[in-house]
Amino acid sequence: MEKQEQTQMAWVGIGVALLIAFSLGSLSRNKTSDAQTQNMQFTCADESRKYFADFMKKYGDPATNYSTQNHWNTSIKKCFISIARGKFSPSTGDSQNGQLIIDVAEDDNYGQATFLNNAERPGQLYDCQVSHDGVSEMQPCSSLDEFQKYVKLLMTK
């Protein structure tokens, strides 16, 4: 083999080696990023459980049913808990349902909605408010659908 061919082969070999090294570095960074996100999701779940336990000590009502969902929002780097509550009155047949969206670390309220169900007004929206940063003044929302779209933005990214 001539010297020129050997030089070309060496450069091709170096190029392939660099391409492989770059690819492995990218995969390693993605795995690290995925592992960090997963770690934050686990931390969020743990902190949300603690938050809900404290919430129940302060505000829990034995006659009300509660359910929770948590989510680590990767785009704004915040842990949110959604607390849904429902209360039924057997004597009147009325029910009251609501939902809160809280930033767990800061204890900031990002939104709340309450609606009533009774014979005269099924599904009546009683109260609906959102705060786009959790600290500014709450702004009214006009419908439960609007509130749910806002919640989806926070709880799916």
N, C-alpha and C. Protein backbone atom coordinates (compact mmCIF):
# COMPACT_ATOMS: atom_id res chain seq x y z
N MET A 1 0.84 -1.17 0.00
CA MET A 1 0.00 0.00 0.00
C MET A 1 0.89 1.24 0.00
N GLU A 2 0.50 2.21 -0.78
CA GLU A 2 1.29 3.43 -0.86
C GLU A 2 1.05 4.28 0.38
N LYS A 3 1.98 5.19 0.58
CA LYS A 3 1.92 6.07 1.75
C LYS A 3 0.65 6.93 1.72
N GLN A 4 0.23 7.40 0.57
CA GLN A 4 -0.96 8.23 0.45
C GLN A 4 -2.20 7.43 0.87
N GLU A 5 -2.29 6.18 0.44
CA GLU A 5 -3.43 5.33 0.81
C GLU A 5 -3.43 5.06 2.31
N GLN A 6 -2.27 4.86 2.89
CA GLN A 6 -2.17 4.64 4.33
C GLN A 6 -2.64 5.87 5.10
N THR A 7 -2.28 7.04 4.62
CA THR A 7 -2.68 8.29 5.27
C THR A 7 -4.19 8.45 5.20
N GLN A 8 -4.76 8.17 4.02
CA GLN A 8 -6.22 8.28 3.86
C GLN A 8 -6.93 7.30 4.79
N MET A 9 -6.44 6.07 4.88
CA MET A 9 -7.03 5.06 5.75
C MET A 9 -6.95 5.50 7.22
N ALA A 10 -5.83 6.10 7.59
CA ALA A 10 -5.66 6.56 8.97
C ALA A 10 -6.67 7.65 9.29
N TRP A 11 -6.87 8.58 8.35
CA TRP A 11 -7.85 9.66 8.57
C TRP A 11 -9.27 9.11 8.64
N VAL A 12 -9.58 8.15 7.82
CA VAL A 12 -10.91 7.52 7.88
C VAL A 12 -11.09 6.85 9.24
N GLY A 13 -10.08 6.14 9.70
CA GLY A 13 -10.14 5.48 11.01
C GLY A 13 -10.34 6.48 12.14
N ILE A 14 -9.62 7.59 12.07
CA ILE A 14 -9.77 8.64 13.09
C ILE A 14 -11.18 9.22 13.04
N GLY A 15 -11.68 9.45 11.83
CA GLY A 15 -13.04 9.99 11.67
C GLY A 15 -14.09 9.06 12.25
N VAL A 16 -13.96 7.77 11.98
CA VAL A 16 -14.90 6.78 12.52
C VAL A 16 -14.80 6.76 14.04
N ALA A 17 -13.60 6.78 14.58
CA ALA A 17 -13.41 6.76 16.03
C ALA A 17 -14.05 8.00 16.68
N LEU A 18 -13.86 9.17 16.06
CA LEU A 18 -14.46 10.39 16.60
C LEU A 18 -15.99 10.34 16.53
N LEU A 19 -16.51 9.81 15.45
CA LEU A 19 -17.96 9.68 15.29
C LEU A 19 -18.53 8.76 16.37
N ILE A 20 -17.88 7.65 16.62
CA ILE A 20 -18.33 6.73 17.66
C ILE A 20 -18.24 7.39 19.03
N ALA A 21 -17.13 8.05 19.31
CA ALA A 21 -16.96 8.70 20.60
C ALA A 21 -18.02 9.78 20.82
N PHE A 22 -18.30 10.57 19.79
CA PHE A 22 -19.31 11.62 19.89
C PHE A 22 -20.69 11.01 20.14
N SER A 23 -21.00 9.95 19.43
CA SER A 23 -22.30 9.28 19.58
C SER A 23 -22.45 8.73 20.99
N LEU A 24 -21.42 8.09 21.50
CA LEU A 24 -21.49 7.54 22.85
C LEU A 24 -21.62 8.65 23.88
N GLY A 25 -20.94 9.77 23.65
CA GLY A 25 -21.06 10.91 24.56
C GLY A 25 -22.47 11.46 24.58
N SER A 26 -23.10 11.55 23.41
CA SER A 26 -24.49 12.01 23.33
C SER A 26 -25.42 11.06 24.05
N LEU A 27 -25.24 9.77 23.84
CA LEU A 27 -26.08 8.79 24.52
C LEU A 27 -25.90 8.88 26.02
N SER A 28 -24.67 9.06 26.45
CA SER A 28 -24.40 9.16 27.89
C SER A 28 -25.09 10.38 28.48
N ARG A 29 -25.04 11.52 27.78
CA ARG A 29 -25.70 12.74 28.27
C ARG A 29 -27.21 12.54 28.33
N ASN A 30 -27.79 11.89 27.31
CA ASN A 30 -29.23 11.63 27.31
C ASN A 30 -29.61 10.72 28.46
N LYS A 31 -28.79 9.68 28.71
CA LYS A 31 -29.08 8.78 29.83
C LYS A 31 -29.00 9.54 31.15
N THR A 32 -28.01 10.41 31.29
CA THR A 32 -27.88 11.20 32.50
C THR A 32 -29.08 12.11 32.66
N SER A 33 -29.48 12.77 31.59
CA SER A 33 -30.63 13.66 31.64
C SER A 33 -31.90 12.89 32.00
N ASP A 34 -32.10 11.72 31.38
CA ASP A 34 -33.25 10.89 31.69
C ASP A 34 -33.22 10.44 33.15
N ALA A 35 -32.04 10.07 33.63
CA ALA A 35 -31.91 9.62 35.03
C ALA A 35 -32.20 10.77 35.98
N GLN A 36 -31.74 11.98 35.65
CA GLN A 36 -32.01 13.14 36.49
C GLN A 36 -33.51 13.44 36.52
N THR A 37 -34.16 13.38 35.36
CA THR A 37 -35.61 13.61 35.29
C THR A 37 -36.35 12.57 36.11
N GLN A 38 -35.96 11.31 35.96
CA GLN A 38 -36.61 10.25 36.73
C GLN A 38 -36.39 10.46 38.22
N ASN A 39 -35.20 10.86 38.61
CA ASN A 39 -34.91 11.13 40.01
C ASN A 39 -35.79 12.27 40.53
N MET A 40 -35.96 13.31 39.72
CA MET A 40 -36.81 14.43 40.14
C MET A 40 -38.28 13.99 40.24
N GLN A 41 -38.71 13.09 39.37
CA GLN A 41 -40.08 12.58 39.45
C GLN A 41 -40.29 11.81 40.75
N PHE A 42 -39.31 10.98 41.13
CA PHE A 42 -39.42 10.24 42.40
C PHE A 42 -39.41 11.20 43.59
N THR A 43 -38.54 12.19 43.53
CA THR A 43 -38.48 13.18 44.61
C THR A 43 -39.80 13.94 44.70
N CYS A 44 -40.35 14.31 43.57
CA CYS A 44 -41.63 15.01 43.53
C CYS A 44 -42.74 14.15 44.16
N ALA A 45 -42.76 12.88 43.82
CA ALA A 45 -43.78 11.98 44.39
C ALA A 45 -43.65 11.91 45.90
N ASP A 46 -42.43 11.79 46.39
CA ASP A 46 -42.19 11.71 47.83
C ASP A 46 -42.60 13.02 48.53
N GLU A 47 -42.18 14.15 47.96
CA GLU A 47 -42.52 15.44 48.56
C GLU A 47 -44.04 15.70 48.50
N SER A 48 -44.68 15.23 47.45
CA SER A 48 -46.14 15.39 47.32
C SER A 48 -46.88 14.60 48.39
N ARG A 49 -46.39 13.39 48.68
CA ARG A 49 -47.01 12.58 49.75
C ARG A 49 -46.91 13.31 51.08
N LYS A 50 -45.75 13.88 51.36
CA LYS A 50 -45.56 14.63 52.60
C LYS A 50 -46.45 15.87 52.63
N TYR A 51 -46.53 16.56 51.50
CA TYR A 51 -47.37 17.76 51.42
C TYR A 51 -48.83 17.41 51.69
N PHE A 52 -49.30 16.32 51.07
CA PHE A 52 -50.70 15.94 51.25
C PHE A 52 -50.98 15.52 52.69
N ALA A 53 -50.05 14.84 53.33
CA ALA A 53 -50.23 14.46 54.74
C ALA A 53 -50.39 15.71 55.61
N ASP A 54 -49.57 16.73 55.37
CA ASP A 54 -49.69 17.99 56.11
C ASP A 54 -51.00 18.70 55.77
N PHE A 55 -51.37 18.68 54.50
CA PHE A 55 -52.62 19.29 54.06
C PHE A 55 -53.80 18.67 54.80
N MET A 56 -53.81 17.35 54.91
CA MET A 56 -54.91 16.66 55.57
C MET A 56 -54.97 16.98 57.06
N LYS A 57 -53.80 17.14 57.69
CA LYS A 57 -53.79 17.52 59.11
C LYS A 57 -54.42 18.89 59.31
N LYS A 58 -54.16 19.81 58.39
CA LYS A 58 -54.67 21.18 58.51
C LYS A 58 -56.11 21.32 58.04
N TYR A 59 -56.44 20.72 56.89
CA TYR A 59 -57.72 21.01 56.23
C TYR A 59 -58.61 19.80 55.99
N GLY A 60 -58.12 18.61 56.31
CA GLY A 60 -58.86 17.40 56.00
C GLY A 60 -60.23 17.35 56.67
N ASP A 61 -61.19 16.87 55.92
CA ASP A 61 -62.57 16.72 56.40
C ASP A 61 -62.95 15.26 56.23
N PRO A 62 -63.31 14.57 57.31
CA PRO A 62 -63.64 13.14 57.19
C PRO A 62 -64.81 12.85 56.25
N ALA A 63 -65.67 13.84 56.02
CA ALA A 63 -66.83 13.64 55.15
C ALA A 63 -66.50 13.91 53.68
N THR A 64 -65.26 14.25 53.39
CA THR A 64 -64.85 14.57 52.02
C THR A 64 -63.91 13.50 51.50
N ASN A 65 -64.10 13.13 50.26
CA ASN A 65 -63.18 12.19 49.59
C ASN A 65 -62.10 12.99 48.88
N TYR A 66 -60.87 12.52 48.95
CA TYR A 66 -59.74 13.20 48.33
C TYR A 66 -58.99 12.23 47.41
N SER A 67 -58.42 12.78 46.36
CA SER A 67 -57.47 12.04 45.53
C SER A 67 -56.39 13.01 45.09
N THR A 68 -55.21 12.47 44.86
CA THR A 68 -54.09 13.32 44.47
C THR A 68 -53.39 12.77 43.24
N GLN A 69 -52.70 13.67 42.58
CA GLN A 69 -51.82 13.31 41.47
C GLN A 69 -50.66 14.28 41.55
N ASN A 70 -49.44 13.80 41.30
CA ASN A 70 -48.29 14.72 41.29
C ASN A 70 -47.61 14.64 39.94
N HIS A 71 -46.83 15.69 39.67
CA HIS A 71 -46.13 15.73 38.39
C HIS A 71 -44.92 16.65 38.51
N TRP A 72 -43.76 16.17 38.05
CA TRP A 72 -42.57 16.99 37.92
C TRP A 72 -42.61 17.62 36.53
N ASN A 73 -42.79 18.95 36.49
CA ASN A 73 -42.86 19.68 35.23
C ASN A 73 -41.43 19.98 34.79
N THR A 74 -40.96 19.30 33.75
CA THR A 74 -39.57 19.44 33.32
C THR A 74 -39.28 20.79 32.68
N SER A 75 -40.29 21.44 32.11
CA SER A 75 -40.01 22.70 31.42
C SER A 75 -39.82 23.86 32.39
N ILE A 76 -40.54 23.87 33.51
CA ILE A 76 -40.36 24.96 34.47
C ILE A 76 -39.72 24.48 35.78
N LYS A 77 -39.36 23.21 35.81
CA LYS A 77 -38.62 22.63 36.94
C LYS A 77 -39.36 22.84 38.27
N LYS A 78 -40.62 22.41 38.30
CA LYS A 78 -41.43 22.51 39.51
C LYS A 78 -42.22 21.23 39.72
N CYS A 79 -42.45 20.94 40.98
CA CYS A 79 -43.25 19.79 41.37
C CYS A 79 -44.65 20.28 41.74
N PHE A 80 -45.65 19.73 41.06
CA PHE A 80 -47.03 20.12 41.33
C PHE A 80 -47.80 18.94 41.91
N ILE A 81 -48.75 19.28 42.79
CA ILE A 81 -49.70 18.30 43.27
C ILE A 81 -51.09 18.82 42.93
N SER A 82 -51.90 17.92 42.42
CA SER A 82 -53.30 18.21 42.17
C SER A 82 -54.09 17.49 43.26
N ILE A 83 -54.87 18.24 44.00
CA ILE A 83 -55.70 17.66 45.06
C ILE A 83 -57.16 17.83 44.64
N ALA A 84 -57.80 16.71 44.36
CA ALA A 84 -59.22 16.73 44.00
C ALA A 84 -60.01 16.34 45.25
N ARG A 85 -61.14 16.98 45.43
CA ARG A 85 -61.96 16.69 46.60
C ARG A 85 -63.42 16.62 46.18
N GLY A 86 -64.15 15.77 46.85
CA GLY A 86 -65.57 15.64 46.56
C GLY A 86 -66.34 15.34 47.84
N LYS A 87 -67.46 15.99 47.98
CA LYS A 87 -68.29 15.80 49.17
C LYS A 87 -69.74 15.64 48.73
N PHE A 88 -70.40 14.62 49.26
CA PHE A 88 -71.78 14.33 48.90
C PHE A 88 -72.65 14.44 50.14
N SER A 89 -73.81 15.08 49.99
CA SER A 89 -74.77 15.19 51.08
C SER A 89 -75.94 14.25 50.81
N PRO A 90 -76.01 13.13 51.55
CA PRO A 90 -77.10 12.18 51.31
C PRO A 90 -78.48 12.78 51.57
N SER A 91 -78.57 13.70 52.50
CA SER A 91 -79.89 14.25 52.84
C SER A 91 -80.46 15.11 51.71
N THR A 92 -79.60 15.84 50.98
CA THR A 92 -80.10 16.72 49.92
C THR A 92 -79.81 16.17 48.52
N GLY A 93 -78.85 15.25 48.43
CA GLY A 93 -78.44 14.75 47.12
C GLY A 93 -77.48 15.67 46.41
N ASP A 94 -77.06 16.74 47.08
CA ASP A 94 -76.12 17.70 46.49
C ASP A 94 -74.69 17.20 46.67
N SER A 95 -73.83 17.63 45.77
CA SER A 95 -72.41 17.35 45.93
C SER A 95 -71.60 18.59 45.58
N GLN A 96 -70.43 18.65 46.16
CA GLN A 96 -69.49 19.73 45.88
C GLN A 96 -68.16 19.09 45.53
N ASN A 97 -67.59 19.49 44.40
CA ASN A 97 -66.32 18.95 43.94
C ASN A 97 -65.36 20.10 43.68
N GLY A 98 -64.09 19.82 43.86
CA GLY A 98 -63.10 20.86 43.62
C GLY A 98 -61.74 20.29 43.33
N GLN A 99 -60.87 21.17 42.93
CA GLN A 99 -59.49 20.78 42.62
C GLN A 99 -58.57 21.95 42.92
N LEU A 100 -57.43 21.64 43.51
CA LEU A 100 -56.36 22.61 43.76
C LEU A 100 -55.12 22.16 43.01
N ILE A 101 -54.34 23.12 42.52
CA ILE A 101 -53.04 22.84 41.91
C ILE A 101 -52.02 23.64 42.71
N ILE A 102 -51.09 22.94 43.35
CA ILE A 102 -50.12 23.57 44.25
C ILE A 102 -48.70 23.24 43.82
N ASP A 103 -47.83 24.26 43.87
CA ASP A 103 -46.39 24.06 43.74
C ASP A 103 -45.92 23.54 45.10
N VAL A 104 -45.49 22.30 45.16
CA VAL A 104 -45.19 21.63 46.42
C VAL A 104 -44.05 22.33 47.18
N ALA A 105 -42.98 22.66 46.50
CA ALA A 105 -41.81 23.24 47.18
C ALA A 105 -42.10 24.62 47.74
N GLU A 106 -42.84 25.43 47.01
CA GLU A 106 -43.09 26.81 47.42
C GLU A 106 -44.42 26.98 48.14
N ASP A 107 -45.27 25.96 48.12
CA ASP A 107 -46.62 26.03 48.70
C ASP A 107 -47.41 27.17 48.06
N ASP A 108 -47.23 27.34 46.74
CA ASP A 108 -47.95 28.38 46.00
C ASP A 108 -49.14 27.76 45.29
N ASN A 109 -50.27 28.43 45.39
CA ASN A 109 -51.50 27.98 44.74
C ASN A 109 -51.51 28.47 43.29
N TYR A 110 -51.49 27.54 42.35
CA TYR A 110 -51.53 27.89 40.93
C TYR A 110 -52.95 27.88 40.38
N GLY A 111 -53.88 27.29 41.11
CA GLY A 111 -55.25 27.29 40.62
C GLY A 111 -56.18 26.52 41.52
N GLN A 112 -57.45 26.90 41.45
CA GLN A 112 -58.48 26.19 42.20
C GLN A 112 -59.81 26.34 41.48
N ALA A 113 -60.59 25.29 41.56
CA ALA A 113 -61.92 25.32 40.96
C ALA A 113 -62.85 24.53 41.87
N THR A 114 -64.06 25.04 42.03
CA THR A 114 -65.09 24.36 42.81
C THR A 114 -66.38 24.42 42.02
N PHE A 115 -67.07 23.31 41.95
CA PHE A 115 -68.37 23.32 41.30
C PHE A 115 -69.36 22.50 42.12
N LEU A 116 -70.61 22.88 41.98
CA LEU A 116 -71.70 22.28 42.74
C LEU A 116 -72.57 21.46 41.82
N ASN A 117 -73.10 20.41 42.34
CA ASN A 117 -74.08 19.60 41.62
C ASN A 117 -75.32 19.47 42.49
N ASN A 118 -76.41 20.05 42.01
CA ASN A 118 -77.69 19.87 42.68
C ASN A 118 -78.78 19.84 41.63
N ALA A 119 -79.98 19.58 42.07
CA ALA A 119 -81.09 19.40 41.14
C ALA A 119 -81.33 20.65 40.29
N GLU A 120 -81.22 21.82 40.90
CA GLU A 120 -81.49 23.06 40.17
C GLU A 120 -80.36 23.46 39.23
N ARG A 121 -79.14 23.20 39.64
CA ARG A 121 -77.98 23.65 38.86
C ARG A 121 -76.91 22.56 38.78
N PRO A 122 -77.11 21.57 37.95
CA PRO A 122 -76.09 20.51 37.85
C PRO A 122 -74.79 21.04 37.24
N GLY A 123 -73.69 20.76 37.91
CA GLY A 123 -72.37 21.15 37.40
C GLY A 123 -72.09 22.64 37.40
N GLN A 124 -72.75 23.39 38.29
CA GLN A 124 -72.55 24.84 38.34
C GLN A 124 -71.14 25.17 38.84
N LEU A 125 -70.42 25.97 38.08
CA LEU A 125 -69.10 26.43 38.49
C LEU A 125 -69.28 27.48 39.57
N TYR A 126 -68.76 27.21 40.74
CA TYR A 126 -68.93 28.10 41.88
C TYR A 126 -67.75 29.06 42.02
N ASP A 127 -66.56 28.52 41.82
CA ASP A 127 -65.35 29.32 41.99
C ASP A 127 -64.28 28.75 41.07
N CYS A 128 -63.60 29.61 40.33
CA CYS A 128 -62.52 29.17 39.44
C CYS A 128 -61.50 30.29 39.34
N GLN A 129 -60.26 29.99 39.73
CA GLN A 129 -59.20 30.99 39.71
C GLN A 129 -57.88 30.33 39.34
N VAL A 130 -57.03 31.08 38.64
CA VAL A 130 -55.70 30.60 38.30
C VAL A 130 -54.68 31.72 38.51
N SER A 131 -53.47 31.31 38.80
CA SER A 131 -52.33 32.23 38.90
C SER A 131 -51.24 31.65 38.03
N HIS A 132 -50.80 32.41 37.05
CA HIS A 132 -49.85 31.87 36.07
C HIS A 132 -48.44 31.71 36.60
N ASP A 133 -48.16 32.25 37.78
CA ASP A 133 -46.85 32.03 38.36
C ASP A 133 -46.93 31.57 39.80
N GLY A 134 -48.12 31.41 40.34
CA GLY A 134 -48.29 30.92 41.70
C GLY A 134 -48.20 31.97 42.77
N VAL A 135 -47.72 33.15 42.44
CA VAL A 135 -47.58 34.20 43.46
C VAL A 135 -48.37 35.46 43.14
N SER A 136 -48.63 35.71 41.87
CA SER A 136 -49.39 36.90 41.53
C SER A 136 -50.86 36.68 41.86
N GLU A 137 -51.61 37.74 41.80
CA GLU A 137 -53.03 37.68 42.14
C GLU A 137 -53.76 36.67 41.27
N MET A 138 -54.65 35.93 41.90
CA MET A 138 -55.44 34.94 41.17
C MET A 138 -56.38 35.66 40.21
N GLN A 139 -56.50 35.08 39.01
CA GLN A 139 -57.39 35.61 37.99
C GLN A 139 -58.55 34.63 37.80
N PRO A 140 -59.76 35.16 37.62
CA PRO A 140 -60.89 34.24 37.44
C PRO A 140 -60.81 33.50 36.11
N CYS A 141 -61.28 32.28 36.12
CA CYS A 141 -61.45 31.55 34.86
C CYS A 141 -62.95 31.39 34.63
N SER A 142 -63.33 31.31 33.39
CA SER A 142 -64.75 31.39 33.05
C SER A 142 -65.46 30.05 32.99
N SER A 143 -64.69 28.95 32.95
CA SER A 143 -65.33 27.66 32.85
C SER A 143 -64.43 26.57 33.41
N LEU A 144 -65.04 25.45 33.72
CA LEU A 144 -64.26 24.31 34.19
C LEU A 144 -63.34 23.81 33.07
N ASP A 145 -63.79 23.89 31.83
CA ASP A 145 -62.97 23.48 30.69
C ASP A 145 -61.70 24.33 30.61
N GLU A 146 -61.85 25.64 30.80
CA GLU A 146 -60.68 26.53 30.80
C GLU A 146 -59.71 26.14 31.93
N PHE A 147 -60.25 25.84 33.09
CA PHE A 147 -59.41 25.43 34.22
C PHE A 147 -58.68 24.12 33.89
N GLN A 148 -59.39 23.15 33.34
CA GLN A 148 -58.78 21.85 33.03
C GLN A 148 -57.68 21.99 31.98
N LYS A 149 -57.83 22.89 31.03
CA LYS A 149 -56.78 23.12 30.03
C LYS A 149 -55.53 23.69 30.71
N TYR A 150 -55.75 24.59 31.66
CA TYR A 150 -54.64 25.18 32.41
C TYR A 150 -53.93 24.09 33.23
N VAL A 151 -54.70 23.26 33.91
CA VAL A 151 -54.14 22.17 34.70
C VAL A 151 -53.33 21.24 33.81
N LYS A 152 -53.85 20.93 32.64
CA LYS A 152 -53.15 20.03 31.72
C LYS A 152 -51.78 20.60 31.33
N LEU A 153 -51.70 21.91 31.12
CA LEU A 153 -50.42 22.53 30.80
C LEU A 153 -49.39 22.29 31.91
N LEU A 154 -49.82 22.42 33.16
CA LEU A 154 -48.91 22.26 34.28
C LEU A 154 -48.56 20.80 34.54
N MET A 155 -49.52 19.92 34.34
CA MET A 155 -49.37 18.54 34.78
C MET A 155 -48.94 17.57 33.67
N THR A 156 -48.57 18.07 32.49
CA THR A 156 -48.16 17.16 31.43
C THR A 156 -46.80 17.47 30.82
N LYS A 157 -46.21 18.59 31.09
CA LYS A 157 -44.91 18.92 30.47
C LYS A 157 -43.78 18.23 31.18
